[in-house]
């Protein structure tokens, strides 16, 4: 009970600091005199890319392409070592 009284006093003290009027940016949204843009048509499929089906590729080569600092022309992969280069 004794801990509840200071918490209630703190809450009432903070509530006294809250402004009584709403901020103007919240009230302006309900103002009918404010002009807005008319709605325009936009296609549902605007910006959609087509992804065609492709054959599976060698996963080692794909990993080399996306690796940071990769240089696929150098030929220093472990595949080159296995092939005897």
PDB file of N, CA and C in Angstrom:
ATOM      1  N   UNK A   1       0.823  -1.185   0.000  1.00  0.00           N
ATOM      2  CA  UNK A   1       0.000   0.000   0.000  1.00  0.00           C
ATOM      3  C   UNK A   1       0.868   1.250   0.000  1.00  0.00           C
ATOM      4  N   UNK A   2       1.979   1.221   0.756  1.00  0.00           N
ATOM      5  CA  UNK A   2       2.826   2.404   0.828  1.00  0.00           C
ATOM      6  C   UNK A   2       3.544   2.662  -0.492  1.00  0.00           C
ATOM      7  N   UNK A   3       3.806   1.636  -1.275  1.00  0.00           N
ATOM      8  CA  UNK A   3       4.462   1.830  -2.568  1.00  0.00           C
ATOM      9  C   UNK A   3       3.477   2.339  -3.610  1.00  0.00           C
ATOM     10  N   UNK A   4       2.201   2.116  -3.413  1.00  0.00           N
ATOM     11  CA  UNK A   4       1.185   2.531  -4.366  1.00  0.00           C
ATOM     12  C   UNK A   4       0.975   4.041  -4.356  1.00  0.00           C
ATOM     13  N   UNK A   5       1.092   4.666  -3.204  1.00  0.00           N
ATOM     14  CA  UNK A   5       0.866   6.112  -3.095  1.00  0.00           C
ATOM     15  C   UNK A   5       1.914   6.900  -3.878  1.00  0.00           C
ATOM     16  N   UNK A   6       3.223   6.619  -3.770  1.00  0.00           N
ATOM     17  CA  UNK A   6       4.187   7.381  -4.592  1.00  0.00           C
ATOM     18  C   UNK A   6       4.019   7.134  -6.088  1.00  0.00           C
ATOM     19  N   UNK A   7       3.652   5.928  -6.487  1.00  0.00           N
ATOM     20  CA  UNK A   7       3.439   5.648  -7.899  1.00  0.00           C
ATOM     21  C   UNK A   7       2.229   6.422  -8.424  1.00  0.00           C
ATOM     22  N   UNK A   8       1.170   6.507  -7.640  1.00  0.00           N
ATOM     23  CA  UNK A   8      -0.016   7.269  -8.045  1.00  0.00           C
ATOM     24  C   UNK A   8       0.320   8.757  -8.132  1.00  0.00           C
ATOM     25  N   UNK A   9       1.101   9.265  -7.207  1.00  0.00           N
ATOM     26  CA  UNK A   9       1.503  10.678  -7.243  1.00  0.00           C
ATOM     27  C   UNK A   9       2.363  10.954  -8.464  1.00  0.00           C
ATOM     28  N   UNK A  10       3.250  10.042  -8.798  1.00  0.00           N
ATOM     29  CA  UNK A  10       4.082  10.201  -9.987  1.00  0.00           C
ATOM     30  C   UNK A  10       3.222  10.191 -11.247  1.00  0.00           C
ATOM     31  N   UNK A  11       2.260   9.315 -11.311  1.00  0.00           N
ATOM     32  CA  UNK A  11       1.354   9.251 -12.454  1.00  0.00           C
ATOM     33  C   UNK A  11       0.530  10.511 -12.608  1.00  0.00           C
ATOM     34  N   UNK A  12       0.008  11.035 -11.523  1.00  0.00           N
ATOM     35  CA  UNK A  12      -0.767  12.270 -11.588  1.00  0.00           C
ATOM     36  C   UNK A  12       0.122  13.454 -11.967  1.00  0.00           C
ATOM     37  N   UNK A  13       1.353  13.454 -11.487  1.00  0.00           N
ATOM     38  CA  UNK A  13       2.278  14.532 -11.837  1.00  0.00           C
ATOM     39  C   UNK A  13       2.625  14.512 -13.321  1.00  0.00           C
ATOM     40  N   UNK A  14       2.836  13.333 -13.882  1.00  0.00           N
ATOM     41  CA  UNK A  14       3.118  13.241 -15.319  1.00  0.00           C
ATOM     42  C   UNK A  14       1.886  13.559 -16.152  1.00  0.00           C
ATOM     43  N   UNK A  15       0.700  13.215 -15.679  1.00  0.00           N
ATOM     44  CA  UNK A  15      -0.525  13.515 -16.403  1.00  0.00           C
ATOM     45  C   UNK A  15      -0.773  15.016 -16.463  1.00  0.00           C
ATOM     46  N   UNK A  16      -0.287  15.752 -15.509  1.00  0.00           N
ATOM     47  CA  UNK A  16      -0.456  17.206 -15.519  1.00  0.00           C
ATOM     48  C   UNK A  16       0.391  17.853 -16.604  1.00  0.00           C
ATOM     49  N   UNK A  17       1.418  17.175 -17.093  1.00  0.00           N
ATOM     50  CA  UNK A  17       2.293  17.731 -18.129  1.00  0.00           C
ATOM     51  C   UNK A  17       1.781  17.490 -19.544  1.00  0.00           C
ATOM     52  N   UNK A  18       0.735  16.728 -19.692  1.00  0.00           N
ATOM     53  CA  UNK A  18       0.206  16.394 -21.013  1.00  0.00           C
ATOM     54  C   UNK A  18      -0.590  17.589 -21.540  1.00  0.00           C
ATOM     55  N   UNK A  19      -0.387  17.993 -22.804  1.00  0.00           N
ATOM     56  CA  UNK A  19      -1.147  19.127 -23.338  1.00  0.00           C
ATOM     57  C   UNK A  19      -2.637  18.781 -23.457  1.00  0.00           C
ATOM     58  N   UNK A  20      -3.487  19.806 -23.286  1.00  0.00           N
ATOM     59  CA  UNK A  20      -4.922  19.563 -23.300  1.00  0.00           C
ATOM     60  C   UNK A  20      -5.493  19.633 -24.705  1.00  0.00           C
ATOM     61  N   UNK A  21      -4.842  20.341 -25.639  1.00  0.00           N
ATOM     62  CA  UNK A  21      -5.330  20.421 -27.001  1.00  0.00           C
ATOM     63  C   UNK A  21      -4.612  19.397 -27.856  1.00  0.00           C
ATOM     64  N   UNK A  22      -5.296  18.934 -28.892  1.00  0.00           N
ATOM     65  CA  UNK A  22      -4.703  17.981 -29.811  1.00  0.00           C
ATOM     66  C   UNK A  22      -3.679  18.682 -30.693  1.00  0.00           C
ATOM     67  N   UNK A  23      -2.617  18.001 -31.108  1.00  0.00           N
ATOM     68  CA  UNK A  23      -1.649  18.601 -32.023  1.00  0.00           C
ATOM     69  C   UNK A  23      -2.312  18.959 -33.356  1.00  0.00           C
ATOM     70  N   UNK A  24      -1.824  20.010 -33.985  1.00  0.00           N
ATOM     71  CA  UNK A  24      -2.466  20.513 -35.203  1.00  0.00           C
ATOM     72  C   UNK A  24      -2.384  19.497 -36.352  1.00  0.00           C
ATOM     73  N   UNK A  25      -1.343  18.668 -36.407  1.00  0.00           N
ATOM     74  CA  UNK A  25      -1.235  17.703 -37.499  1.00  0.00           C
ATOM     75  C   UNK A  25      -2.266  16.586 -37.370  1.00  0.00           C
ATOM     76  N   UNK A  26      -2.800  16.360 -36.185  1.00  0.00           N
ATOM     77  CA  UNK A  26      -3.861  15.375 -36.038  1.00  0.00           C
ATOM     78  C   UNK A  26      -5.224  15.971 -36.366  1.00  0.00           C
ATOM     79  N   UNK A  27      -5.421  17.239 -36.037  1.00  0.00           N
ATOM     80  CA  UNK A  27      -6.692  17.890 -36.292  1.00  0.00           C
ATOM     81  C   UNK A  27      -6.827  18.225 -37.771  1.00  0.00           C
ATOM     82  N   UNK A  28      -5.730  18.549 -38.466  1.00  0.00           N
ATOM     83  CA  UNK A  28      -5.779  18.944 -39.870  1.00  0.00           C
ATOM     84  C   UNK A  28      -6.284  17.808 -40.751  1.00  0.00           C
ATOM     85  N   UNK A  29      -6.113  16.595 -40.357  1.00  0.00           N
ATOM     86  CA  UNK A  29      -6.578  15.474 -41.162  1.00  0.00           C
ATOM     87  C   UNK A  29      -8.102  15.429 -41.231  1.00  0.00           C
ATOM     88  N   UNK A  30      -8.793  15.974 -40.243  1.00  0.00           N
ATOM     89  CA  UNK A  30     -10.243  15.969 -40.229  1.00  0.00           C
ATOM     90  C   UNK A  30     -10.833  17.245 -40.819  1.00  0.00           C
ATOM     91  N   UNK A  31      -9.998  18.152 -41.307  1.00  0.00           N
ATOM     92  CA  UNK A  31     -10.466  19.416 -41.859  1.00  0.00           C
ATOM     93  C   UNK A  31     -10.945  19.201 -43.293  1.00  0.00           C
ATOM     94  N   UNK A  32     -12.229  19.415 -43.605  1.00  0.00           N
ATOM     95  CA  UNK A  32     -12.716  19.187 -44.968  1.00  0.00           C
ATOM     96  C   UNK A  32     -12.234  20.233 -45.961  1.00  0.00           C
ATOM     97  N   UNK A  33     -11.707  21.346 -45.509  1.00  0.00           N
ATOM     98  CA  UNK A  33     -11.239  22.393 -46.417  1.00  0.00           C
ATOM     99  C   UNK A  33      -9.863  22.068 -47.001  1.00  0.00           C
ATOM    100  N   UNK A  34      -9.173  21.108 -46.449  1.00  0.00           N
ATOM    101  CA  UNK A  34      -7.852  20.740 -46.938  1.00  0.00           C
ATOM    102  C   UNK A  34      -8.009  19.969 -48.244  1.00  0.00           C
ATOM    103  N   UNK A  35      -7.295  20.409 -49.292  1.00  0.00           N
ATOM    104  CA  UNK A  35      -7.403  19.749 -50.583  1.00  0.00           C
ATOM    105  C   UNK A  35      -6.609  18.457 -50.634  1.00  0.00           C
ATOM    106  N   UNK A  36      -7.087  17.530 -51.422  1.00  0.00           N
ATOM    107  CA  UNK A  36      -6.396  16.255 -51.616  1.00  0.00           C
ATOM    108  C   UNK A  36      -6.308  15.966 -53.101  1.00  0.00           C
ATOM    109  N   UNK A  37      -5.429  15.078 -53.473  1.00  0.00           N
ATOM    110  CA  UNK A  37      -5.325  14.655 -54.864  1.00  0.00           C
ATOM    111  C   UNK A  37      -6.460  13.701 -55.186  1.00  0.00           C
ATOM    112  N   UNK A  38      -6.972  13.782 -56.410  1.00  0.00           N
ATOM    113  CA  UNK A  38      -8.012  12.821 -56.784  1.00  0.00           C
ATOM    114  C   UNK A  38      -7.391  11.436 -56.972  1.00  0.00           C
ATOM    115  N   UNK A  39      -8.139  10.398 -56.695  1.00  0.00           N
ATOM    116  CA  UNK A  39      -7.590   9.045 -56.871  1.00  0.00           C
ATOM    117  C   UNK A  39      -7.355   8.753 -58.351  1.00  0.00           C
ATOM    118  N   UNK A  40      -6.258   8.089 -58.640  1.00  0.00           N
ATOM    119  CA  UNK A  40      -5.935   7.727 -60.024  1.00  0.00           C
ATOM    120  C   UNK A  40      -5.850   6.214 -60.133  1.00  0.00           C
ATOM    121  N   UNK A  41      -6.010   5.738 -61.356  1.00  0.00           N
ATOM    122  CA  UNK A  41      -5.956   4.299 -61.596  1.00  0.00           C
ATOM    123  C   UNK A  41      -4.504   3.842 -61.669  1.00  0.00           C
ATOM    124  N   UNK A  42      -4.212   2.756 -61.036  1.00  0.00           N
ATOM    125  CA  UNK A  42      -2.909   2.108 -61.187  1.00  0.00           C
ATOM    126  C   UNK A  42      -3.166   0.609 -61.314  1.00  0.00           C
ATOM    127  N   UNK A  43      -2.497   0.017 -62.281  1.00  0.00           N
ATOM    128  CA  UNK A  43      -2.715  -1.406 -62.550  1.00  0.00           C
ATOM    129  C   UNK A  43      -2.209  -2.262 -61.394  1.00  0.00           C
ATOM    130  N   UNK A  44      -2.905  -3.325 -61.146  1.00  0.00           N
ATOM    131  CA  UNK A  44      -2.514  -4.236 -60.069  1.00  0.00           C
ATOM    132  C   UNK A  44      -1.176  -4.888 -60.380  1.00  0.00           C
ATOM    133  N   UNK A  45      -0.922  -5.150 -61.647  1.00  0.00           N
ATOM    134  CA  UNK A  45       0.308  -5.847 -62.033  1.00  0.00           C
ATOM    135  C   UNK A  45       1.432  -4.887 -62.432  1.00  0.00           C
ATOM    136  N   UNK A  46       1.341  -3.623 -62.080  1.00  0.00           N
ATOM    137  CA  UNK A  46       2.386  -2.661 -62.427  1.00  0.00           C
ATOM    138  C   UNK A  46       3.675  -3.024 -61.685  1.00  0.00           C
ATOM    139  N   UNK A  47       4.770  -3.119 -62.407  1.00  0.00           N
ATOM    140  CA  UNK A  47       6.057  -3.406 -61.800  1.00  0.00           C
ATOM    141  C   UNK A  47       6.337  -4.880 -61.579  1.00  0.00           C
ATOM    142  N   UNK A  48       5.493  -5.759 -62.039  1.00  0.00           N
ATOM    143  CA  UNK A  48       5.693  -7.194 -61.843  1.00  0.00           C
ATOM    144  C   UNK A  48       6.645  -7.712 -62.921  1.00  0.00           C
ATOM    145  N   UNK A  49       7.627  -8.487 -62.518  1.00  0.00           N
ATOM    146  CA  UNK A  49       8.565  -9.090 -63.461  1.00  0.00           C
ATOM    147  C   UNK A  49       8.194 -10.538 -63.691  1.00  0.00           C
ATOM    148  N   UNK A  50       8.448 -10.993 -64.903  1.00  0.00           N
ATOM    149  CA  UNK A  50       8.189 -12.390 -65.233  1.00  0.00           C
ATOM    150  C   UNK A  50       9.456 -13.199 -64.978  1.00  0.00           C
ATOM    151  N   UNK A  51       9.349 -14.254 -64.243  1.00  0.00           N
ATOM    152  CA  UNK A  51      10.473 -15.146 -63.965  1.00  0.00           C
ATOM    153  C   UNK A  51      10.216 -16.453 -64.699  1.00  0.00           C
ATOM    154  N   UNK A  52      11.009 -16.695 -65.737  1.00  0.00           N
ATOM    155  CA  UNK A  52      10.843 -17.906 -66.523  1.00  0.00           C
ATOM    156  C   UNK A  52      11.529 -19.079 -65.841  1.00  0.00           C
ATOM    157  N   UNK A  53      11.086 -20.266 -66.169  1.00  0.00           N
ATOM    158  CA  UNK A  53      11.674 -21.482 -65.644  1.00  0.00           C
ATOM    159  C   UNK A  53      13.018 -21.696 -66.334  1.00  0.00           C
ATOM    160  N   UNK A  54      14.043 -21.999 -65.543  1.00  0.00           N
ATOM    161  CA  UNK A  54      15.376 -22.236 -66.095  1.00  0.00           C
ATOM    162  C   UNK A  54      15.856 -23.610 -65.657  1.00  0.00           C
ATOM    163  N   UNK A  55      16.861 -24.104 -66.364  1.00  0.00           N
ATOM    164  CA  UNK A  55      17.454 -25.378 -65.993  1.00  0.00           C
ATOM    165  C   UNK A  55      18.347 -25.190 -64.776  1.00  0.00           C
ATOM    166  N   UNK A  56      18.522 -26.232 -63.961  1.00  0.00           N
ATOM    167  CA  UNK A  56      19.416 -26.124 -62.813  1.00  0.00           C
ATOM    168  C   UNK A  56      20.852 -25.889 -63.269  1.00  0.00           C
ATOM    169  N   UNK A  57      21.562 -25.066 -62.521  1.00  0.00           N
ATOM    170  CA  UNK A  57      22.957 -24.761 -62.826  1.00  0.00           C
ATOM    171  C   UNK A  57      23.856 -25.380 -61.769  1.00  0.00           C
ATOM    172  N   UNK A  58      25.148 -25.351 -62.016  1.00  0.00           N
ATOM    173  CA  UNK A  58      26.129 -25.866 -61.068  1.00  0.00           C
ATOM    174  C   UNK A  58      26.145 -24.972 -59.833  1.00  0.00           C
ATOM    175  N   UNK A  59      25.852 -25.506 -58.674  1.00  0.00           N
ATOM    176  CA  UNK A  59      25.756 -24.696 -57.466  1.00  0.00           C
ATOM    177  C   UNK A  59      27.096 -24.128 -57.050  1.00  0.00           C
ATOM    178  N   UNK A  60      28.198 -24.791 -57.377  1.00  0.00           N
ATOM    179  CA  UNK A  60      29.518 -24.254 -57.026  1.00  0.00           C
ATOM    180  C   UNK A  60      29.789 -22.959 -57.793  1.00  0.00           C
ATOM    181  N   UNK A  61      29.444 -22.964 -59.078  1.00  0.00           N
ATOM    182  CA  UNK A  61      29.657 -21.769 -59.889  1.00  0.00           C
ATOM    183  C   UNK A  61      28.744 -20.632 -59.425  1.00  0.00           C
ATOM    184  N   UNK A  62      27.515 -20.947 -59.073  1.00  0.00           N
ATOM    185  CA  UNK A  62      26.606 -19.915 -58.570  1.00  0.00           C
ATOM    186  C   UNK A  62      27.124 -19.314 -57.268  1.00  0.00           C
ATOM    187  N   UNK A  63      27.671 -20.136 -56.388  1.00  0.00           N
ATOM    188  CA  UNK A  63      28.240 -19.633 -55.140  1.00  0.00           C
ATOM    189  C   UNK A  63      29.435 -18.734 -55.411  1.00  0.00           C
ATOM    190  N   UNK A  64      30.256 -19.081 -56.398  1.00  0.00           N
ATOM    191  CA  UNK A  64      31.410 -18.261 -56.734  1.00  0.00           C
ATOM    192  C   UNK A  64      30.983 -16.892 -57.269  1.00  0.00           C
ATOM    193  N   UNK A  65      29.892 -16.859 -58.013  1.00  0.00           N
ATOM    194  CA  UNK A  65      29.424 -15.593 -58.574  1.00  0.00           C
ATOM    195  C   UNK A  65      28.956 -14.627 -57.506  1.00  0.00           C
ATOM    196  N   UNK A  66      28.333 -15.115 -56.475  1.00  0.00           N
ATOM    197  CA  UNK A  66      27.780 -14.235 -55.450  1.00  0.00           C
ATOM    198  C   UNK A  66      28.709 -14.039 -54.257  1.00  0.00           C
ATOM    199  N   UNK A  67      29.833 -14.726 -54.219  1.00  0.00           N
ATOM    200  CA  UNK A  67      30.765 -14.585 -53.105  1.00  0.00           C
ATOM    201  C   UNK A  67      31.421 -13.209 -53.150  1.00  0.00           C
ATOM    202  N   UNK A  68      31.656 -12.588 -51.986  1.00  0.00           N
ATOM    203  CA  UNK A  68      32.313 -11.285 -51.981  1.00  0.00           C
ATOM    204  C   UNK A  68      33.762 -11.404 -52.459  1.00  0.00           C
ATOM    205  N   UNK A  69      34.146 -10.523 -53.352  1.00  0.00           N
ATOM    206  CA  UNK A  69      35.506 -10.522 -53.875  1.00  0.00           C
ATOM    207  C   UNK A  69      35.799 -11.672 -54.803  1.00  0.00           C
ATOM    208  N   UNK A  70      34.778 -12.268 -55.378  1.00  0.00           N
ATOM    209  CA  UNK A  70      34.981 -13.422 -56.251  1.00  0.00           C
ATOM    210  C   UNK A  70      35.472 -12.966 -57.617  1.00  0.00           C
ATOM    211  N   UNK A  71      36.373 -13.724 -58.190  1.00  0.00           N
ATOM    212  CA  UNK A  71      36.868 -13.467 -59.536  1.00  0.00           C
ATOM    213  C   UNK A  71      36.804 -14.787 -60.293  1.00  0.00           C
ATOM    214  N   UNK A  72      35.687 -15.044 -60.996  1.00  0.00           N
ATOM    215  CA  UNK A  72      35.518 -16.351 -61.634  1.00  0.00           C
ATOM    216  C   UNK A  72      36.490 -16.579 -62.785  1.00  0.00           C
ATOM    217  N   UNK A  73      37.097 -15.529 -63.327  1.00  0.00           N
ATOM    218  CA  UNK A  73      38.022 -15.699 -64.449  1.00  0.00           C
ATOM    219  C   UNK A  73      39.385 -16.219 -63.996  1.00  0.00           C
ATOM    220  N   UNK A  74      39.673 -16.102 -62.710  1.00  0.00           N
ATOM    221  CA  UNK A  74      40.999 -16.513 -62.227  1.00  0.00           C
ATOM    222  C   UNK A  74      41.194 -18.015 -62.284  1.00  0.00           C
ATOM    223  N   UNK A  75      40.159 -18.779 -62.062  1.00  0.00           N
ATOM    224  CA  UNK A  75      40.255 -20.231 -62.150  1.00  0.00           C
ATOM    225  C   UNK A  75      40.993 -20.868 -60.991  1.00  0.00           C
ATOM    226  N   UNK A  76      40.940 -20.247 -59.798  1.00  0.00           N
ATOM    227  CA  UNK A  76      41.649 -20.826 -58.653  1.00  0.00           C
ATOM    228  C   UNK A  76      40.713 -21.607 -57.738  1.00  0.00           C
ATOM    229  N   UNK A  77      39.641 -22.132 -58.267  1.00  0.00           N
ATOM    230  CA  UNK A  77      38.699 -22.863 -57.433  1.00  0.00           C
ATOM    231  C   UNK A  77      39.218 -24.275 -57.166  1.00  0.00           C
ATOM    232  N   UNK A  78      38.555 -24.936 -56.247  1.00  0.00           N
ATOM    233  CA  UNK A  78      38.935 -26.311 -55.951  1.00  0.00           C
ATOM    234  C   UNK A  78      38.548 -27.243 -57.096  1.00  0.00           C
ATOM    235  N   UNK A  79      37.578 -26.826 -57.928  1.00  0.00           N
ATOM    236  CA  UNK A  79      37.237 -27.630 -59.104  1.00  0.00           C
ATOM    237  C   UNK A  79      38.410 -27.678 -60.081  1.00  0.00           C
ATOM    238  N   UNK A  80      39.117 -26.570 -60.245  1.00  0.00           N
ATOM    239  CA  UNK A  80      40.269 -26.530 -61.144  1.00  0.00           C
ATOM    240  C   UNK A  80      41.360 -27.434 -60.605  1.00  0.00           C
ATOM    241  N   UNK A  81      41.503 -27.515 -59.283  1.00  0.00           N
ATOM    242  CA  UNK A  81      42.514 -28.383 -58.693  1.00  0.00           C
ATOM    243  C   UNK A  81      42.155 -29.849 -58.916  1.00  0.00           C
ATOM    244  N   UNK A  82      40.858 -30.172 -58.834  1.00  0.00           N
ATOM    245  CA  UNK A  82      40.441 -31.533 -59.061  1.00  0.00           C
ATOM    246  C   UNK A  82      40.625 -31.960 -60.508  1.00  0.00           C
ATOM    247  N   UNK A  83      40.500 -31.021 -61.407  1.00  0.00           N
ATOM    248  CA  UNK A  83      40.657 -31.353 -62.820  1.00  0.00           C
ATOM    249  C   UNK A  83      42.120 -31.413 -63.237  1.00  0.00           C
ATOM    250  N   UNK A  84      43.028 -31.045 -62.336  1.00  0.00           N
ATOM    251  CA  UNK A  84      44.456 -31.150 -62.638  1.00  0.00           C
ATOM    252  C   UNK A  84      45.048 -29.909 -63.242  1.00  0.00           C
ATOM    253  N   UNK A  85      44.456 -28.761 -63.084  1.00  0.00           N
ATOM    254  CA  UNK A  85      45.012 -27.520 -63.628  1.00  0.00           C
ATOM    255  C   UNK A  85      45.959 -26.874 -62.674  1.00  0.00           C
TER     256      UNK A  85
END
